[in-house]
Amino acid sequence: MNRIYSTLLASMLIPFSAQSVASDILPGYWDYQEYLRAHPVQEQLTNELSEVVRRQPSPLSVEQNKPVTISVVYPGQQVSDYWVRNIKAFETRMEELGINYELNQVFTRPNIDLRQQSVSLMEAVKNKSGYLIFTLDTTRHRKFIEHVIHSTDTKLILQNITTPVRAWDENPPFLYVGFDHVIGSHLLSDYFKHRFENNHSYSVLYFSEGYVSDARGGTFIQDMEDSGNYQLASSYYTKANKESGYKAALSSLQQNPDISFIYACSTDVALGAVDALEQLKRNDIVINGWGGGSAELDAIANKKLDVTVMRMNDDTGVAMAEAIKWDLEGKPVPTVYSGDFELVTSKDSQSRIDELKKKAFRYSDKS
């Protein structure tokens, strides 16, 4: 495949060759299931936490001398409502558990507000927060995380990553928590392989450069390549926002108008691509969402998106609260937890989607 260069997108998008996708999608990381198989004690703890997440809350069994301090730095300023819902579910469950806590939260824009992120993270460390909830997507994030792990007493919860870093095996973060990107991407690749059986070309619109793009985009491309029946016509890194998704889709279709589907690696990128398809009046191209938040479910109901992998969103917020409760009670906490997915398509009944929303947003939809 030829690399695609576009002066229109030069400042926004980075073209990416399919040939550079390594056979090992995430070198240096444990696969979620592989990690649990290799660590039977961890697998048991993860299964126990999963059961607790699904149950009604049981209050904290020890007395607190003072509130636990928690800092949250999230890339929450995006169309996807995952992060906002997550923290609401977390706080609601903490209150139900009877945990006395103080929360300081900062929402930033993914891949943009790096300076704000750095300031907020350093403040959390300086203030000796008991727990810091952050994410891992770029090399810059990794360097800071290593500082926290090795040089502070703050317990680090890494959101949106469920593949433990092998180099940190001896001194891991307090908890990796999220919805496994690889599992979700397998569900979507299975959908596309069943819908388009042979000899179809497609485009991939990545998130920004980093872990999420590797896990979601790299996994999907590898799955399609392994089947031998699909051609990757083009792929772009974006700026992880709607505008760059729109521009990437326009460029892709100008270069390769005969593609059958677009695989998008995030909500904002997918909805930007939807705008491009509408502008070009291309209702023949299938496109997915990733995550199944409110904006995606609305787009599916309006037949603008064809499919998404829907996270049982609030589970991860509940899991973080339960992990802190276990820690306060002196119980061992699993290293990693991944929530459940459901595949949702534009052919699903509204009643099925409503039931899934009731389950996924059981805390975050409360007024």
Protein backbone atom coordinates (compact mmCIF):
# COMPACT_ATOMS: atom_id res chain seq x y z
CA MET A 1 0.00 0.00 0.00
CA ASN A 2 1.30 3.42 -0.87
CA ARG A 3 1.59 5.98 1.86
CA ILE A 4 -0.99 8.74 1.56
CA TYR A 5 0.13 12.31 1.75
CA SER A 6 -2.31 15.17 1.89
CA THR A 7 -1.45 18.83 2.28
CA LEU A 8 -4.99 19.33 3.56
CA LEU A 9 -4.30 17.07 6.50
CA ALA A 10 -0.63 17.70 7.06
CA SER A 11 -1.15 19.58 10.30
CA MET A 12 -3.88 17.30 11.62
CA LEU A 13 -3.24 13.71 10.54
CA ILE A 14 -0.35 11.32 10.22
CA PRO A 15 -0.52 8.73 7.39
CA PHE A 16 0.43 5.23 8.50
CA SER A 17 1.50 2.24 6.44
CA ALA A 18 -0.27 -1.08 6.99
CA GLN A 19 3.04 -2.86 6.45
CA SER A 20 4.43 -1.36 9.66
CA VAL A 21 1.89 -3.19 11.84
CA ALA A 22 3.97 -5.67 13.84
CA SER A 23 2.84 -9.23 14.36
CA ASP A 24 3.05 -8.53 18.08
CA ILE A 25 0.43 -5.79 18.45
CA LEU A 26 1.43 -4.69 21.94
CA PRO A 27 5.06 -5.57 22.61
CA GLY A 28 6.00 -5.10 26.23
CA TYR A 29 2.46 -5.72 27.52
CA TRP A 30 0.70 -8.78 28.84
CA ASP A 31 -2.46 -9.80 27.00
CA TYR A 32 -5.34 -9.62 29.51
CA GLN A 33 -6.29 -13.30 29.36
CA GLU A 34 -2.65 -14.36 29.09
CA TYR A 35 -1.82 -12.44 32.27
CA LEU A 36 -4.62 -14.07 34.21
CA ARG A 37 -3.68 -17.56 33.00
CA ALA A 38 -0.07 -16.97 34.03
CA HIS A 39 -1.08 -15.65 37.48
CA PRO A 40 -3.76 -17.97 38.98
CA VAL A 41 -4.00 -15.97 42.22
CA GLN A 42 -4.63 -12.80 40.23
CA GLU A 43 -7.25 -14.59 38.14
CA GLN A 44 -9.11 -15.60 41.30
CA LEU A 45 -8.96 -12.04 42.69
CA THR A 46 -10.15 -10.58 39.37
CA ASN A 47 -13.06 -13.02 39.25
CA GLU A 48 -13.99 -12.11 42.84
CA LEU A 49 -13.93 -8.40 42.03
CA SER A 50 -16.08 -9.02 38.93
CA GLU A 51 -18.68 -10.72 41.10
CA VAL A 52 -18.67 -7.88 43.64
CA VAL A 53 -19.09 -5.29 40.86
CA ARG A 54 -22.27 -7.01 39.70
CA ARG A 55 -23.75 -7.21 43.21
CA GLN A 56 -25.38 -4.63 45.43
CA PRO A 57 -22.89 -2.70 47.60
CA SER A 58 -21.78 -3.94 51.01
CA PRO A 59 -20.60 -1.05 53.23
CA LEU A 60 -17.01 -0.56 54.38
CA SER A 61 -16.35 -2.77 57.40
CA VAL A 62 -13.63 -0.68 59.08
CA GLU A 63 -13.64 2.80 60.59
CA GLN A 64 -11.70 5.58 58.90
CA ASN A 65 -9.60 8.03 60.89
CA LYS A 66 -9.63 10.52 58.04
CA PRO A 67 -10.93 10.81 54.47
CA VAL A 68 -9.01 9.09 51.70
CA THR A 69 -7.71 11.60 49.17
CA ILE A 70 -8.19 10.84 45.49
CA SER A 71 -6.96 12.78 42.45
CA VAL A 72 -8.41 12.14 39.00
CA VAL A 73 -6.87 13.41 35.75
CA TYR A 74 -9.00 12.30 32.79
CA PRO A 75 -9.17 13.14 29.06
CA GLY A 76 -12.87 13.80 29.55
CA GLN A 77 -13.42 16.74 27.19
CA GLN A 78 -14.66 14.76 24.19
CA VAL A 79 -17.95 13.64 22.64
CA SER A 80 -17.58 10.22 24.24
CA ASP A 81 -19.19 10.32 27.66
CA TYR A 82 -17.24 7.36 29.02
CA TRP A 83 -15.01 9.37 31.33
CA VAL A 84 -17.74 11.58 32.80
CA ARG A 85 -20.00 8.59 33.37
CA ASN A 86 -17.13 6.63 34.88
CA ILE A 87 -16.38 9.18 37.57
CA LYS A 88 -20.08 9.58 38.42
CA ALA A 89 -20.43 5.82 38.86
CA PHE A 90 -17.28 5.80 40.97
CA GLU A 91 -18.47 8.55 43.30
CA THR A 92 -21.95 7.09 43.67
CA ARG A 93 -20.57 3.67 44.58
CA MET A 94 -18.08 5.22 47.03
CA GLU A 95 -20.99 6.93 48.79
CA GLU A 96 -23.00 3.71 48.87
CA LEU A 97 -20.00 1.93 50.40
CA GLY A 98 -19.84 4.59 53.12
CA ILE A 99 -16.27 5.60 52.29
CA ASN A 100 -15.26 9.06 53.48
CA TYR A 101 -13.21 10.63 50.69
CA GLU A 102 -12.04 13.88 49.12
CA LEU A 103 -11.88 14.05 45.33
CA ASN A 104 -9.96 16.44 43.12
CA GLN A 105 -10.69 15.96 39.43
CA VAL A 106 -9.41 17.56 36.23
CA PHE A 107 -10.83 16.84 32.77
CA THR A 108 -8.53 17.59 29.83
CA ARG A 109 -8.63 17.13 26.06
CA PRO A 110 -6.95 13.96 24.73
CA ASN A 111 -3.61 14.58 23.04
CA ILE A 112 -3.87 18.37 23.49
CA ASP A 113 -3.77 19.58 27.09
CA LEU A 114 -0.47 17.88 27.91
CA ARG A 115 0.81 20.81 29.97
CA GLN A 116 -2.40 20.92 32.02
CA GLN A 117 -2.14 17.18 32.54
CA SER A 118 1.45 17.50 33.76
CA VAL A 119 0.61 20.32 36.19
CA SER A 120 -2.38 18.42 37.60
CA LEU A 121 -0.40 15.20 37.97
CA MET A 122 2.48 16.89 39.75
CA GLU A 123 0.03 18.63 42.10
CA ALA A 124 -1.49 15.26 42.98
CA VAL A 125 1.94 13.88 43.87
CA LYS A 126 2.95 17.03 45.74
CA ASN A 127 -0.25 16.90 47.78
CA LYS A 128 0.41 13.23 48.57
CA SER A 129 -2.94 11.98 47.30
CA GLY A 130 -3.74 8.53 48.60
CA TYR A 131 -4.91 7.42 45.16
CA LEU A 132 -4.31 8.85 41.69
CA ILE A 133 -6.55 7.79 38.81
CA PHE A 134 -4.95 8.41 35.43
CA THR A 135 -4.48 6.68 32.07
CA LEU A 136 -1.63 5.38 29.93
CA ASP A 137 -1.56 6.19 26.23
CA THR A 138 1.74 7.90 25.38
CA THR A 139 5.43 7.69 26.24
CA ARG A 140 5.08 10.89 28.27
CA HIS A 141 2.40 9.25 30.39
CA ARG A 142 4.64 6.24 30.94
CA LYS A 143 7.53 8.29 32.26
CA PHE A 144 5.32 10.01 34.80
CA ILE A 145 3.74 6.72 35.87
CA GLU A 146 7.15 5.20 36.50
CA HIS A 147 8.00 8.19 38.69
CA VAL A 148 4.83 7.67 40.75
CA ILE A 149 5.38 3.92 41.08
CA HIS A 150 9.02 4.16 42.14
CA SER A 151 9.21 7.44 44.03
CA THR A 152 5.92 8.07 45.85
CA ASP A 153 3.45 6.40 48.21
CA THR A 154 0.47 7.37 46.02
CA LYS A 155 -1.46 4.33 44.79
CA LEU A 156 -1.96 4.53 41.05
CA ILE A 157 -5.13 3.38 39.30
CA LEU A 158 -4.61 3.26 35.52
CA GLN A 159 -7.88 3.69 33.67
CA ASN A 160 -8.60 2.44 30.13
CA ILE A 161 -5.79 -0.12 30.10
CA THR A 162 -6.12 -3.82 30.96
CA THR A 163 -2.83 -5.16 29.60
CA PRO A 164 -0.22 -4.99 32.38
CA VAL A 165 3.19 -3.61 31.45
CA ARG A 166 5.71 -6.45 31.65
CA ALA A 167 8.52 -4.16 32.83
CA TRP A 168 6.43 -3.28 35.90
CA ASP A 169 5.72 -6.88 36.97
CA GLU A 170 7.77 -6.55 40.15
CA ASN A 171 6.25 -3.20 41.11
CA PRO A 172 2.90 -2.75 39.33
CA PRO A 173 0.36 0.05 39.70
CA PHE A 174 -2.33 -0.48 42.32
CA LEU A 175 -4.88 -1.38 39.62
CA TYR A 176 -5.25 -1.55 35.84
CA VAL A 177 -8.93 -1.07 35.03
CA GLY A 178 -10.99 -0.63 31.88
CA PHE A 179 -12.59 -2.52 29.02
CA ASP A 180 -10.04 -4.59 27.18
CA HIS A 181 -9.37 -2.93 23.81
CA VAL A 182 -8.22 -6.18 22.24
CA ILE A 183 -11.36 -8.11 23.23
CA GLY A 184 -13.59 -5.30 21.94
CA SER A 185 -11.68 -5.10 18.65
CA HIS A 186 -12.01 -8.86 18.12
CA LEU A 187 -15.79 -8.51 18.47
CA LEU A 188 -15.83 -5.80 15.81
CA SER A 189 -13.54 -7.66 13.41
CA ASP A 190 -15.81 -10.73 13.70
CA TYR A 191 -18.78 -8.54 12.80
CA PHE A 192 -17.09 -7.11 9.70
CA LYS A 193 -15.86 -10.53 8.56
CA HIS A 194 -19.38 -11.92 8.75
CA ARG A 195 -20.91 -8.93 7.01
CA PHE A 196 -18.30 -8.72 4.22
CA GLU A 197 -17.24 -12.23 3.39
CA ASN A 198 -14.66 -11.86 0.62
CA ASN A 199 -12.34 -9.44 -1.16
CA HIS A 200 -13.31 -6.13 0.39
CA SER A 201 -11.11 -3.11 1.05
CA TYR A 202 -11.42 -0.82 4.03
CA SER A 203 -9.90 2.16 5.83
CA VAL A 204 -8.82 2.54 9.45
CA LEU A 205 -9.09 5.81 11.34
CA TYR A 206 -6.89 5.59 14.41
CA PHE A 207 -7.05 7.51 17.66
CA SER A 208 -3.94 9.63 18.27
CA GLU A 209 -0.59 7.86 18.23
CA GLY A 210 -0.21 5.63 21.26
CA TYR A 211 -1.47 2.62 23.15
CA VAL A 212 -5.19 2.93 22.30
CA SER A 213 -4.49 3.07 18.55
CA ASP A 214 -2.14 0.11 18.77
CA ALA A 215 -4.58 -1.98 20.78
CA ARG A 216 -7.76 -1.14 18.85
CA GLY A 217 -6.45 -0.46 15.36
CA GLY A 218 -3.54 -2.87 15.33
CA THR A 219 -5.66 -5.75 16.61
CA PHE A 220 -8.37 -5.13 14.02
CA ILE A 221 -5.92 -4.94 11.12
CA GLN A 222 -4.16 -8.12 12.26
CA ASP A 223 -7.50 -9.96 12.49
CA MET A 224 -8.46 -8.90 8.96
CA GLU A 225 -5.03 -9.76 7.56
CA ASP A 226 -5.11 -13.20 9.17
CA SER A 227 -8.31 -14.02 7.28
CA GLY A 228 -6.60 -13.25 3.94
CA ASN A 229 -9.68 -11.75 2.32
CA TYR A 230 -9.42 -8.03 3.06
CA GLN A 231 -7.25 -5.18 1.84
CA LEU A 232 -6.32 -2.22 4.00
CA ALA A 233 -6.63 0.67 1.55
CA SER A 234 -5.57 3.45 3.91
CA SER A 235 -5.13 4.33 7.56
CA TYR A 236 -4.67 7.59 9.44
CA TYR A 237 -3.70 8.62 12.89
CA THR A 238 -5.99 11.46 13.97
CA LYS A 239 -5.95 14.03 16.73
CA ALA A 240 -8.56 11.93 18.55
CA ASN A 241 -11.34 14.44 17.87
CA LYS A 242 -14.34 14.77 15.60
CA GLU A 243 -12.78 17.30 13.20
CA SER A 244 -9.76 15.14 12.45
CA GLY A 245 -12.00 12.09 11.98
CA TYR A 246 -14.01 14.07 9.44
CA LYS A 247 -10.91 15.16 7.52
CA ALA A 248 -9.38 11.70 7.60
CA ALA A 249 -12.53 10.12 6.19
CA LEU A 250 -12.72 12.71 3.40
CA SER A 251 -9.11 12.08 2.45
CA SER A 252 -9.52 8.33 2.56
CA LEU A 253 -12.56 8.38 0.29
CA GLN A 254 -10.91 10.76 -2.15
CA GLN A 255 -7.98 8.36 -2.46
CA ASN A 256 -9.98 5.13 -2.26
CA PRO A 257 -13.64 5.68 -3.19
CA ASP A 258 -14.37 1.95 -3.54
CA ILE A 259 -13.84 0.90 0.08
CA SER A 260 -16.63 -1.11 1.70
CA PHE A 261 -16.22 0.00 5.30
CA ILE A 262 -14.38 2.28 7.70
CA TYR A 263 -13.08 1.04 11.04
CA ALA A 264 -12.95 3.90 13.56
CA CYS A 265 -11.00 3.59 16.82
CA SER A 266 -13.04 5.99 18.96
CA THR A 267 -16.40 7.73 19.32
CA ASP A 268 -15.25 11.19 18.29
CA VAL A 269 -13.36 9.92 15.26
CA ALA A 270 -16.34 7.78 14.18
CA LEU A 271 -18.82 10.65 14.42
CA GLY A 272 -16.50 12.90 12.43
CA ALA A 273 -16.35 10.23 9.74
CA VAL A 274 -20.15 10.02 9.77
CA ASP A 275 -20.28 13.75 8.94
CA ALA A 276 -17.93 13.15 6.01
CA LEU A 277 -20.06 10.29 4.67
CA GLU A 278 -23.17 12.43 4.91
CA GLN A 279 -21.48 15.29 3.08
CA LEU A 280 -20.39 12.95 0.29
CA LYS A 281 -23.80 11.22 0.27
CA ARG A 282 -22.08 7.86 0.73
CA ASN A 283 -24.67 5.72 2.47
CA ASP A 284 -23.11 2.58 1.02
CA ILE A 285 -20.14 2.57 3.41
CA VAL A 286 -20.45 0.79 6.75
CA ILE A 287 -18.87 2.41 9.81
CA ASN A 288 -18.51 1.40 13.46
CA GLY A 289 -18.39 3.18 16.76
CA TRP A 290 -16.19 2.15 19.69
CA GLY A 291 -17.55 2.14 23.24
CA GLY A 292 -21.31 2.47 22.92
CA GLY A 293 -21.85 5.71 24.84
CA SER A 294 -24.93 7.89 24.47
CA ALA A 295 -23.75 9.69 21.31
CA GLU A 296 -23.02 6.40 19.55
CA LEU A 297 -26.31 4.81 20.58
CA ASP A 298 -28.16 7.86 19.23
CA ALA A 299 -26.24 7.56 15.96
CA ILE A 300 -27.11 3.85 15.74
CA ALA A 301 -30.79 4.60 16.39
CA ASN A 302 -30.66 7.15 13.55
CA LYS A 303 -28.88 4.62 11.26
CA LYS A 304 -25.78 6.81 11.03
CA LEU A 305 -23.56 4.18 12.66
CA ASP A 306 -23.94 0.51 11.77
CA VAL A 307 -22.36 -1.20 14.76
CA THR A 308 -20.53 -0.57 18.00
CA VAL A 309 -18.99 -2.56 20.81
CA MET A 310 -20.79 -1.31 23.91
CA ARG A 311 -19.01 -1.19 27.25
CA MET A 312 -21.04 -1.91 30.36
CA ASN A 313 -19.81 1.55 31.18
CA ASP A 314 -20.32 1.99 34.91
CA ASP A 315 -18.67 -1.31 35.87
CA THR A 316 -15.21 0.23 35.86
CA GLY A 317 -16.22 3.09 38.15
CA VAL A 318 -17.75 0.54 40.52
CA ALA A 319 -14.62 -1.63 40.30
CA MET A 320 -12.37 1.28 41.33
CA ALA A 321 -14.57 2.04 44.35
CA GLU A 322 -14.65 -1.61 45.41
CA ALA A 323 -10.87 -1.91 45.00
CA ILE A 324 -10.33 1.08 47.30
CA LYS A 325 -12.75 -0.45 49.81
CA TRP A 326 -10.83 -3.74 49.77
CA ASP A 327 -7.59 -1.82 50.23
CA LEU A 328 -8.95 0.07 53.23
CA GLU A 329 -10.10 -3.23 54.71
CA GLY A 330 -6.61 -4.71 54.26
CA LYS A 331 -7.71 -7.22 51.61
CA PRO A 332 -5.61 -8.08 48.54
CA VAL A 333 -6.67 -6.23 45.38
CA PRO A 334 -6.30 -7.71 41.88
CA THR A 335 -3.80 -6.12 39.55
CA VAL A 336 -6.20 -5.96 36.61
CA TYR A 337 -9.95 -5.80 35.91
CA SER A 338 -11.82 -5.63 32.58
CA GLY A 339 -15.54 -4.95 32.26
CA ASP A 340 -18.01 -6.63 29.91
CA PHE A 341 -18.97 -5.77 26.30
CA GLU A 342 -22.07 -6.24 24.16
CA LEU A 343 -22.16 -5.91 20.36
CA VAL A 344 -24.91 -3.50 19.26
CA THR A 345 -26.02 -2.97 15.64
CA SER A 346 -28.46 -0.71 13.84
CA LYS A 347 -30.73 -3.76 13.42
CA ASP A 348 -31.14 -4.27 17.16
CA SER A 349 -34.53 -3.52 18.67
CA GLN A 350 -34.92 -0.41 20.77
CA SER A 351 -36.04 -2.59 23.66
CA ARG A 352 -32.72 -4.50 23.63
CA ILE A 353 -30.76 -1.26 23.51
CA ASP A 354 -32.82 0.19 26.36
CA GLU A 355 -32.09 -2.89 28.49
CA LEU A 356 -28.36 -2.60 27.78
CA LYS A 357 -28.42 1.11 28.66
CA LYS A 358 -30.15 0.33 31.94
CA LYS A 359 -27.37 -2.11 32.77
CA ALA A 360 -24.43 -0.09 31.45
CA PHE A 361 -25.51 3.27 32.92
CA ARG A 362 -27.09 2.04 36.14
CA TYR A 363 -25.28 4.69 38.18
CA SER A 364 -24.39 7.39 35.69
CA ASP A 365 -27.98 7.84 34.46
CA LYS A 366 -29.23 8.57 37.97
CA SER A 367 -30.17 12.21 38.49
